[in-house]
């Protein structure tokens, strides 16, 4: 299994162009939010309703968080916060009755920008070679935030 630094180095190869980096910093978190929202919208068995926040999205997120903790504890903490925030947002959108529609729109627009960023970059998205890079993108963005606030990972 690759280390956190190996994942970051490999992901960074196709994310060097400043325009592509800005696009990723904006739209990777939005893709993450939209994926959680889409999965959140999948109907659940009745017994799920007895546990707050228990749904397919939180189960999926737990699996992602287990992967993140295996790579880097500080990154896990950041992703735990971000995932919790995104679940709260999804819950609010669900209460408003627009979760699935908003998630699909955000997902489509975000991917259009992602592919445009890679066109500018001149390199294919990393997930083309390994789907695990879909989980690495949010870490790559979080690492930039951490560096801005002085957290060394």
N, C-alpha and C. Protein backbone atom coordinates (compact mmCIF):
# COMPACT_ATOMS: atom_id res chain seq x y z
N UNK A 1 0.84 -1.18 0.00
CA UNK A 1 0.00 0.00 0.00
C UNK A 1 0.88 1.25 0.00
N UNK A 2 0.50 2.24 -0.79
CA UNK A 2 1.27 3.48 -0.87
C UNK A 2 1.14 4.26 0.43
N UNK A 3 2.19 5.03 0.72
CA UNK A 3 2.15 5.92 1.87
C UNK A 3 1.44 7.22 1.48
N UNK A 4 1.12 8.02 2.47
CA UNK A 4 0.49 9.31 2.21
C UNK A 4 1.35 10.15 1.26
N UNK A 5 2.64 10.24 1.52
CA UNK A 5 3.53 11.04 0.67
C UNK A 5 3.62 10.50 -0.74
N UNK A 6 3.59 9.20 -0.90
CA UNK A 6 3.61 8.61 -2.24
C UNK A 6 2.32 8.96 -3.00
N UNK A 7 1.17 8.90 -2.31
CA UNK A 7 -0.09 9.28 -2.95
C UNK A 7 -0.04 10.74 -3.39
N UNK A 8 0.44 11.62 -2.50
CA UNK A 8 0.49 13.05 -2.81
C UNK A 8 1.42 13.33 -3.99
N UNK A 9 2.56 12.68 -4.01
CA UNK A 9 3.51 12.89 -5.10
C UNK A 9 2.93 12.42 -6.43
N UNK A 10 2.30 11.26 -6.41
CA UNK A 10 1.74 10.71 -7.65
C UNK A 10 0.55 11.55 -8.13
N UNK A 11 -0.28 12.00 -7.21
CA UNK A 11 -1.42 12.84 -7.59
C UNK A 11 -0.93 14.18 -8.12
N UNK A 12 0.10 14.71 -7.51
CA UNK A 12 0.63 16.01 -7.89
C UNK A 12 1.20 16.07 -9.29
N UNK A 13 1.59 14.93 -9.86
CA UNK A 13 2.17 14.89 -11.21
C UNK A 13 1.21 15.48 -12.24
N UNK A 14 -0.09 15.22 -12.08
CA UNK A 14 -1.05 15.72 -13.07
C UNK A 14 -1.84 16.93 -12.56
N UNK A 15 -1.24 17.63 -11.59
CA UNK A 15 -1.91 18.81 -11.01
C UNK A 15 -0.90 19.92 -10.72
N UNK A 16 -0.12 20.26 -11.73
CA UNK A 16 0.91 21.28 -11.57
C UNK A 16 0.52 22.65 -12.10
N UNK A 17 -0.35 22.68 -13.09
CA UNK A 17 -0.75 23.95 -13.70
C UNK A 17 -1.60 24.76 -12.70
N UNK A 18 -1.27 26.04 -12.53
CA UNK A 18 -1.99 26.87 -11.54
C UNK A 18 -3.51 26.90 -11.75
N UNK A 19 -3.95 26.95 -13.01
CA UNK A 19 -5.40 26.97 -13.27
C UNK A 19 -6.04 25.66 -12.83
N UNK A 20 -5.40 24.55 -13.14
CA UNK A 20 -5.91 23.25 -12.73
C UNK A 20 -5.93 23.14 -11.21
N UNK A 21 -4.91 23.67 -10.56
CA UNK A 21 -4.87 23.61 -9.09
C UNK A 21 -6.03 24.40 -8.48
N UNK A 22 -6.29 25.60 -8.99
CA UNK A 22 -7.40 26.41 -8.47
C UNK A 22 -8.73 25.69 -8.69
N UNK A 23 -8.91 25.14 -9.89
CA UNK A 23 -10.14 24.41 -10.19
C UNK A 23 -10.30 23.25 -9.20
N UNK A 24 -9.24 22.53 -8.94
CA UNK A 24 -9.34 21.40 -8.02
C UNK A 24 -9.64 21.85 -6.59
N UNK A 25 -9.04 22.94 -6.17
CA UNK A 25 -9.28 23.43 -4.80
C UNK A 25 -10.73 23.83 -4.60
N UNK A 26 -11.39 24.25 -5.65
CA UNK A 26 -12.80 24.63 -5.55
C UNK A 26 -13.71 23.42 -5.75
N UNK A 27 -13.45 22.66 -6.80
CA UNK A 27 -14.43 21.67 -7.23
C UNK A 27 -14.25 20.27 -6.65
N UNK A 28 -13.07 19.92 -6.16
CA UNK A 28 -12.93 18.61 -5.50
C UNK A 28 -13.81 18.56 -4.25
N UNK A 29 -13.78 19.59 -3.38
CA UNK A 29 -14.70 19.54 -2.23
C UNK A 29 -16.17 19.52 -2.65
N UNK A 30 -16.51 20.23 -3.72
CA UNK A 30 -17.90 20.21 -4.19
C UNK A 30 -18.29 18.84 -4.73
N UNK A 31 -17.37 18.17 -5.40
CA UNK A 31 -17.65 16.80 -5.85
C UNK A 31 -17.85 15.90 -4.64
N UNK A 32 -17.01 16.05 -3.64
CA UNK A 32 -17.15 15.25 -2.43
C UNK A 32 -18.52 15.49 -1.80
N UNK A 33 -18.92 16.75 -1.68
CA UNK A 33 -20.24 17.07 -1.13
C UNK A 33 -21.35 16.45 -1.97
N UNK A 34 -21.23 16.56 -3.29
CA UNK A 34 -22.29 16.04 -4.16
C UNK A 34 -22.37 14.52 -4.12
N UNK A 35 -21.25 13.85 -4.02
CA UNK A 35 -21.26 12.38 -3.93
C UNK A 35 -21.92 11.96 -2.62
N UNK A 36 -21.56 12.62 -1.53
CA UNK A 36 -22.21 12.31 -0.25
C UNK A 36 -23.71 12.56 -0.38
N UNK A 37 -24.09 13.67 -1.02
CA UNK A 37 -25.51 13.98 -1.19
C UNK A 37 -26.26 12.96 -2.03
N UNK A 38 -25.63 12.51 -3.11
CA UNK A 38 -26.27 11.51 -3.97
C UNK A 38 -26.44 10.19 -3.22
N UNK A 39 -25.41 9.77 -2.52
CA UNK A 39 -25.50 8.52 -1.76
C UNK A 39 -26.51 8.68 -0.60
N UNK A 40 -26.53 9.87 0.01
CA UNK A 40 -27.47 10.16 1.10
C UNK A 40 -28.91 9.97 0.63
N UNK A 41 -29.14 10.22 -0.64
CA UNK A 41 -30.49 10.16 -1.21
C UNK A 41 -30.99 8.75 -1.47
N UNK A 42 -30.11 7.77 -1.39
CA UNK A 42 -30.53 6.38 -1.62
C UNK A 42 -31.42 5.94 -0.46
N UNK A 43 -32.59 5.41 -0.76
CA UNK A 43 -33.49 4.97 0.32
C UNK A 43 -32.81 3.95 1.24
N UNK A 44 -33.16 4.04 2.53
CA UNK A 44 -32.57 3.16 3.54
C UNK A 44 -33.65 2.28 4.17
N UNK A 45 -33.24 1.16 4.75
CA UNK A 45 -34.21 0.34 5.50
C UNK A 45 -34.77 1.13 6.69
N UNK A 46 -35.95 0.79 7.12
CA UNK A 46 -36.60 1.51 8.22
C UNK A 46 -35.77 1.54 9.50
N UNK A 47 -35.06 0.45 9.80
CA UNK A 47 -34.30 0.42 11.05
C UNK A 47 -33.15 1.44 11.07
N UNK A 48 -32.70 1.91 9.91
CA UNK A 48 -31.68 2.96 9.87
C UNK A 48 -32.18 4.23 10.54
N UNK A 49 -33.48 4.49 10.43
CA UNK A 49 -34.06 5.73 10.93
C UNK A 49 -34.02 5.82 12.46
N UNK A 50 -33.72 4.72 13.13
CA UNK A 50 -33.65 4.74 14.59
C UNK A 50 -32.31 5.28 15.08
N UNK A 51 -31.34 5.42 14.18
CA UNK A 51 -30.02 5.94 14.55
C UNK A 51 -29.79 7.24 13.79
N UNK A 52 -29.58 8.35 14.51
CA UNK A 52 -29.36 9.63 13.82
C UNK A 52 -28.18 9.54 12.84
N UNK A 53 -28.38 10.13 11.68
CA UNK A 53 -27.36 10.20 10.63
C UNK A 53 -26.99 8.85 10.02
N UNK A 54 -27.67 7.78 10.36
CA UNK A 54 -27.34 6.49 9.75
C UNK A 54 -28.01 6.39 8.39
N UNK A 55 -27.18 6.33 7.36
CA UNK A 55 -27.66 6.15 5.99
C UNK A 55 -26.48 5.64 5.17
N UNK A 56 -26.71 5.40 3.89
CA UNK A 56 -25.65 4.84 3.05
C UNK A 56 -24.47 5.79 2.92
N UNK A 57 -24.72 7.09 2.95
CA UNK A 57 -23.62 8.07 2.81
C UNK A 57 -22.72 8.06 4.03
N UNK A 58 -23.30 7.93 5.22
CA UNK A 58 -22.45 7.92 6.41
C UNK A 58 -21.67 6.62 6.52
N UNK A 59 -22.26 5.53 6.05
CA UNK A 59 -21.54 4.25 6.01
C UNK A 59 -20.38 4.34 5.02
N UNK A 60 -20.65 4.90 3.83
CA UNK A 60 -19.60 5.11 2.83
C UNK A 60 -18.50 6.02 3.39
N UNK A 61 -18.90 7.10 4.04
CA UNK A 61 -17.94 8.04 4.60
C UNK A 61 -17.07 7.39 5.66
N UNK A 62 -17.66 6.52 6.47
CA UNK A 62 -16.89 5.81 7.48
C UNK A 62 -15.80 4.96 6.82
N UNK A 63 -16.14 4.30 5.73
CA UNK A 63 -15.14 3.53 5.00
C UNK A 63 -14.01 4.41 4.49
N UNK A 64 -14.36 5.58 3.96
CA UNK A 64 -13.34 6.52 3.48
C UNK A 64 -12.46 6.99 4.63
N UNK A 65 -13.07 7.29 5.77
CA UNK A 65 -12.31 7.76 6.93
C UNK A 65 -11.36 6.69 7.45
N UNK A 66 -11.74 5.44 7.36
CA UNK A 66 -10.83 4.35 7.75
C UNK A 66 -9.61 4.34 6.83
N UNK A 67 -9.86 4.55 5.54
CA UNK A 67 -8.73 4.65 4.59
C UNK A 67 -7.85 5.84 4.95
N UNK A 68 -8.45 6.98 5.26
CA UNK A 68 -7.67 8.18 5.58
C UNK A 68 -6.84 8.01 6.85
N UNK A 69 -7.41 7.38 7.87
CA UNK A 69 -6.64 7.21 9.11
C UNK A 69 -5.46 6.27 8.89
N UNK A 70 -5.59 5.37 7.92
CA UNK A 70 -4.48 4.46 7.62
C UNK A 70 -3.32 5.19 6.94
N UNK A 71 -3.61 6.36 6.37
CA UNK A 71 -2.57 7.12 5.66
C UNK A 71 -1.88 8.16 6.52
N UNK A 72 -2.70 8.94 7.28
CA UNK A 72 -2.13 10.06 8.01
C UNK A 72 -3.16 10.56 9.02
N UNK A 73 -2.80 10.58 10.29
CA UNK A 73 -3.75 10.93 11.34
C UNK A 73 -4.23 12.38 11.24
N UNK A 74 -3.33 13.31 10.97
CA UNK A 74 -3.75 14.72 10.86
C UNK A 74 -4.69 14.93 9.68
N UNK A 75 -4.42 14.26 8.60
CA UNK A 75 -5.32 14.36 7.45
C UNK A 75 -6.66 13.72 7.77
N UNK A 76 -6.64 12.63 8.51
CA UNK A 76 -7.88 12.00 8.95
C UNK A 76 -8.72 12.98 9.76
N UNK A 77 -8.09 13.70 10.68
CA UNK A 77 -8.84 14.65 11.51
C UNK A 77 -9.50 15.73 10.66
N UNK A 78 -8.77 16.25 9.69
CA UNK A 78 -9.34 17.24 8.79
C UNK A 78 -10.47 16.67 7.97
N UNK A 79 -10.31 15.47 7.49
CA UNK A 79 -11.36 14.84 6.68
C UNK A 79 -12.57 14.48 7.55
N UNK A 80 -12.33 14.13 8.80
CA UNK A 80 -13.44 13.87 9.72
C UNK A 80 -14.28 15.14 9.89
N UNK A 81 -13.60 16.27 10.09
CA UNK A 81 -14.31 17.54 10.21
C UNK A 81 -15.07 17.87 8.93
N UNK A 82 -14.38 17.78 7.79
CA UNK A 82 -15.02 18.12 6.51
C UNK A 82 -16.18 17.19 6.19
N UNK A 83 -16.00 15.91 6.43
CA UNK A 83 -17.06 14.95 6.16
C UNK A 83 -18.27 15.22 7.06
N UNK A 84 -18.01 15.52 8.32
CA UNK A 84 -19.10 15.85 9.24
C UNK A 84 -19.84 17.10 8.79
N UNK A 85 -19.10 18.11 8.37
CA UNK A 85 -19.71 19.34 7.87
C UNK A 85 -20.56 19.05 6.63
N UNK A 86 -20.03 18.24 5.73
CA UNK A 86 -20.77 17.91 4.50
C UNK A 86 -22.01 17.09 4.81
N UNK A 87 -21.95 16.21 5.79
CA UNK A 87 -23.14 15.45 6.19
C UNK A 87 -24.19 16.39 6.78
N UNK A 88 -23.76 17.37 7.55
CA UNK A 88 -24.70 18.35 8.09
C UNK A 88 -25.36 19.14 6.96
N UNK A 89 -24.56 19.56 5.98
CA UNK A 89 -25.11 20.29 4.83
C UNK A 89 -26.12 19.42 4.09
N UNK A 90 -25.77 18.15 3.88
CA UNK A 90 -26.68 17.24 3.19
C UNK A 90 -27.98 17.09 3.96
N UNK A 91 -27.88 16.98 5.27
CA UNK A 91 -29.10 16.87 6.07
C UNK A 91 -29.97 18.12 5.90
N UNK A 92 -29.36 19.30 5.89
CA UNK A 92 -30.13 20.54 5.72
C UNK A 92 -30.77 20.60 4.33
N UNK A 93 -30.02 20.17 3.32
CA UNK A 93 -30.59 20.15 1.97
C UNK A 93 -31.72 19.13 1.87
N UNK A 94 -31.58 18.02 2.58
CA UNK A 94 -32.65 17.02 2.58
C UNK A 94 -33.90 17.61 3.23
N UNK A 95 -33.74 18.30 4.35
CA UNK A 95 -34.88 18.94 5.01
C UNK A 95 -35.55 19.95 4.09
N UNK A 96 -34.76 20.58 3.24
CA UNK A 96 -35.30 21.57 2.29
C UNK A 96 -35.93 20.90 1.07
N UNK A 97 -35.72 19.61 0.92
CA UNK A 97 -36.31 18.87 -0.20
C UNK A 97 -35.56 19.00 -1.51
N UNK A 98 -34.29 19.45 -1.46
CA UNK A 98 -33.54 19.67 -2.70
C UNK A 98 -32.21 18.92 -2.75
N UNK A 99 -32.01 17.98 -1.85
CA UNK A 99 -30.71 17.32 -1.76
C UNK A 99 -30.30 16.64 -3.06
N UNK A 100 -31.13 15.77 -3.58
CA UNK A 100 -30.73 15.01 -4.77
C UNK A 100 -30.54 15.93 -5.97
N UNK A 101 -31.46 16.85 -6.19
CA UNK A 101 -31.35 17.76 -7.34
C UNK A 101 -30.09 18.62 -7.23
N UNK A 102 -29.87 19.20 -6.06
CA UNK A 102 -28.68 20.05 -5.86
C UNK A 102 -27.41 19.23 -6.03
N UNK A 103 -27.40 18.02 -5.50
CA UNK A 103 -26.20 17.18 -5.59
C UNK A 103 -25.87 16.82 -7.03
N UNK A 104 -26.88 16.49 -7.81
CA UNK A 104 -26.65 16.14 -9.22
C UNK A 104 -26.13 17.35 -9.99
N UNK A 105 -26.71 18.51 -9.77
CA UNK A 105 -26.26 19.72 -10.47
C UNK A 105 -24.82 20.06 -10.09
N UNK A 106 -24.53 20.03 -8.78
CA UNK A 106 -23.16 20.31 -8.31
C UNK A 106 -22.19 19.30 -8.89
N UNK A 107 -22.56 18.04 -8.91
CA UNK A 107 -21.71 16.98 -9.43
C UNK A 107 -21.37 17.22 -10.90
N UNK A 108 -22.38 17.48 -11.72
CA UNK A 108 -22.16 17.67 -13.15
C UNK A 108 -21.31 18.91 -13.44
N UNK A 109 -21.64 20.02 -12.82
CA UNK A 109 -20.87 21.26 -13.04
C UNK A 109 -19.43 21.09 -12.59
N UNK A 110 -19.26 20.47 -11.43
CA UNK A 110 -17.90 20.28 -10.89
C UNK A 110 -17.04 19.42 -11.79
N UNK A 111 -17.62 18.34 -12.35
CA UNK A 111 -16.84 17.48 -13.23
C UNK A 111 -16.52 18.17 -14.56
N UNK A 112 -17.41 19.01 -15.03
CA UNK A 112 -17.09 19.78 -16.24
C UNK A 112 -15.84 20.63 -16.00
N UNK A 113 -15.81 21.31 -14.86
CA UNK A 113 -14.64 22.12 -14.53
C UNK A 113 -13.40 21.26 -14.33
N UNK A 114 -13.55 20.10 -13.68
CA UNK A 114 -12.40 19.21 -13.47
C UNK A 114 -11.78 18.79 -14.80
N UNK A 115 -12.62 18.39 -15.73
CA UNK A 115 -12.09 17.96 -17.03
C UNK A 115 -11.49 19.13 -17.80
N UNK A 116 -12.06 20.32 -17.64
CA UNK A 116 -11.46 21.50 -18.25
C UNK A 116 -10.08 21.75 -17.65
N UNK A 117 -9.97 21.64 -16.34
CA UNK A 117 -8.67 21.81 -15.68
C UNK A 117 -7.63 20.84 -16.19
N UNK A 118 -8.04 19.61 -16.43
CA UNK A 118 -7.09 18.63 -16.96
C UNK A 118 -6.78 18.88 -18.43
N UNK A 119 -7.70 19.48 -19.15
CA UNK A 119 -7.40 19.87 -20.53
C UNK A 119 -6.32 20.95 -20.52
N UNK A 120 -6.47 21.93 -19.62
CA UNK A 120 -5.46 22.98 -19.47
C UNK A 120 -4.13 22.37 -19.04
N UNK A 121 -4.19 21.43 -18.12
CA UNK A 121 -2.99 20.75 -17.61
C UNK A 121 -2.31 19.94 -18.71
N UNK A 122 -3.11 19.38 -19.61
CA UNK A 122 -2.55 18.54 -20.66
C UNK A 122 -2.30 17.12 -20.20
N UNK A 123 -2.91 16.73 -19.08
CA UNK A 123 -2.75 15.38 -18.55
C UNK A 123 -4.10 14.83 -18.13
N UNK A 124 -4.25 13.52 -18.25
CA UNK A 124 -5.49 12.87 -17.86
C UNK A 124 -5.64 12.89 -16.33
N UNK A 125 -6.88 12.88 -15.86
CA UNK A 125 -7.10 12.79 -14.41
C UNK A 125 -6.46 11.53 -13.83
N UNK A 126 -5.96 11.64 -12.61
CA UNK A 126 -5.26 10.52 -11.96
C UNK A 126 -6.14 9.29 -11.80
N UNK A 127 -7.45 9.51 -11.58
CA UNK A 127 -8.32 8.36 -11.33
C UNK A 127 -8.46 7.45 -12.54
N UNK A 128 -8.04 7.92 -13.72
CA UNK A 128 -8.08 7.08 -14.91
C UNK A 128 -7.17 5.87 -14.71
N UNK A 129 -6.04 6.05 -14.03
CA UNK A 129 -5.12 4.94 -13.80
C UNK A 129 -5.45 4.17 -12.52
N UNK A 130 -6.10 4.82 -11.53
CA UNK A 130 -6.42 4.15 -10.27
C UNK A 130 -7.59 4.88 -9.62
N UNK A 131 -8.71 4.20 -9.47
CA UNK A 131 -9.91 4.83 -8.90
C UNK A 131 -9.69 5.33 -7.47
N UNK A 132 -8.70 4.80 -6.78
CA UNK A 132 -8.41 5.26 -5.42
C UNK A 132 -8.06 6.75 -5.39
N UNK A 133 -7.61 7.27 -6.53
CA UNK A 133 -7.29 8.70 -6.58
C UNK A 133 -8.53 9.58 -6.36
N UNK A 134 -9.71 9.01 -6.55
CA UNK A 134 -10.93 9.77 -6.24
C UNK A 134 -11.00 10.08 -4.74
N UNK A 135 -10.40 9.25 -3.91
CA UNK A 135 -10.32 9.50 -2.47
C UNK A 135 -9.12 10.36 -2.10
N UNK A 136 -8.14 10.42 -2.97
CA UNK A 136 -6.92 11.18 -2.70
C UNK A 136 -7.10 12.67 -2.99
N UNK A 137 -7.92 13.00 -3.98
CA UNK A 137 -8.15 14.40 -4.34
C UNK A 137 -8.50 15.28 -3.15
N UNK A 138 -9.46 14.87 -2.30
CA UNK A 138 -9.77 15.71 -1.13
C UNK A 138 -8.59 15.88 -0.18
N UNK A 139 -7.77 14.85 -0.03
CA UNK A 139 -6.57 14.98 0.82
C UNK A 139 -5.59 15.98 0.23
N UNK A 140 -5.45 15.94 -1.08
CA UNK A 140 -4.53 16.85 -1.78
C UNK A 140 -4.95 18.30 -1.56
N UNK A 141 -6.25 18.56 -1.63
CA UNK A 141 -6.77 19.91 -1.39
C UNK A 141 -6.58 20.29 0.08
N UNK A 142 -6.90 19.37 1.00
CA UNK A 142 -6.75 19.65 2.42
C UNK A 142 -5.30 19.94 2.78
N UNK A 143 -4.38 19.26 2.13
CA UNK A 143 -2.96 19.50 2.39
C UNK A 143 -2.58 20.93 2.07
N UNK A 144 -3.14 21.50 0.98
CA UNK A 144 -2.89 22.91 0.66
C UNK A 144 -3.42 23.81 1.76
N UNK A 145 -4.63 23.53 2.26
CA UNK A 145 -5.20 24.33 3.34
C UNK A 145 -4.32 24.24 4.58
N UNK A 146 -3.91 23.03 4.93
CA UNK A 146 -3.05 22.84 6.09
C UNK A 146 -1.77 23.68 5.96
N UNK A 147 -1.16 23.66 4.78
CA UNK A 147 0.09 24.42 4.61
C UNK A 147 -0.15 25.92 4.78
N UNK A 148 -1.33 26.41 4.35
CA UNK A 148 -1.64 27.84 4.49
C UNK A 148 -1.80 28.26 5.95
N UNK A 149 -2.29 27.35 6.79
CA UNK A 149 -2.49 27.69 8.21
C UNK A 149 -1.34 27.20 9.08
N UNK A 150 -0.29 26.68 8.46
CA UNK A 150 0.92 26.30 9.19
C UNK A 150 0.92 24.91 9.78
N UNK A 151 0.02 24.05 9.34
CA UNK A 151 0.01 22.67 9.83
C UNK A 151 0.86 21.84 8.89
N UNK A 152 1.87 21.20 9.45
CA UNK A 152 2.80 20.39 8.65
C UNK A 152 2.37 18.93 8.70
N UNK A 153 2.20 18.35 7.51
CA UNK A 153 1.81 16.93 7.43
C UNK A 153 2.88 16.12 6.74
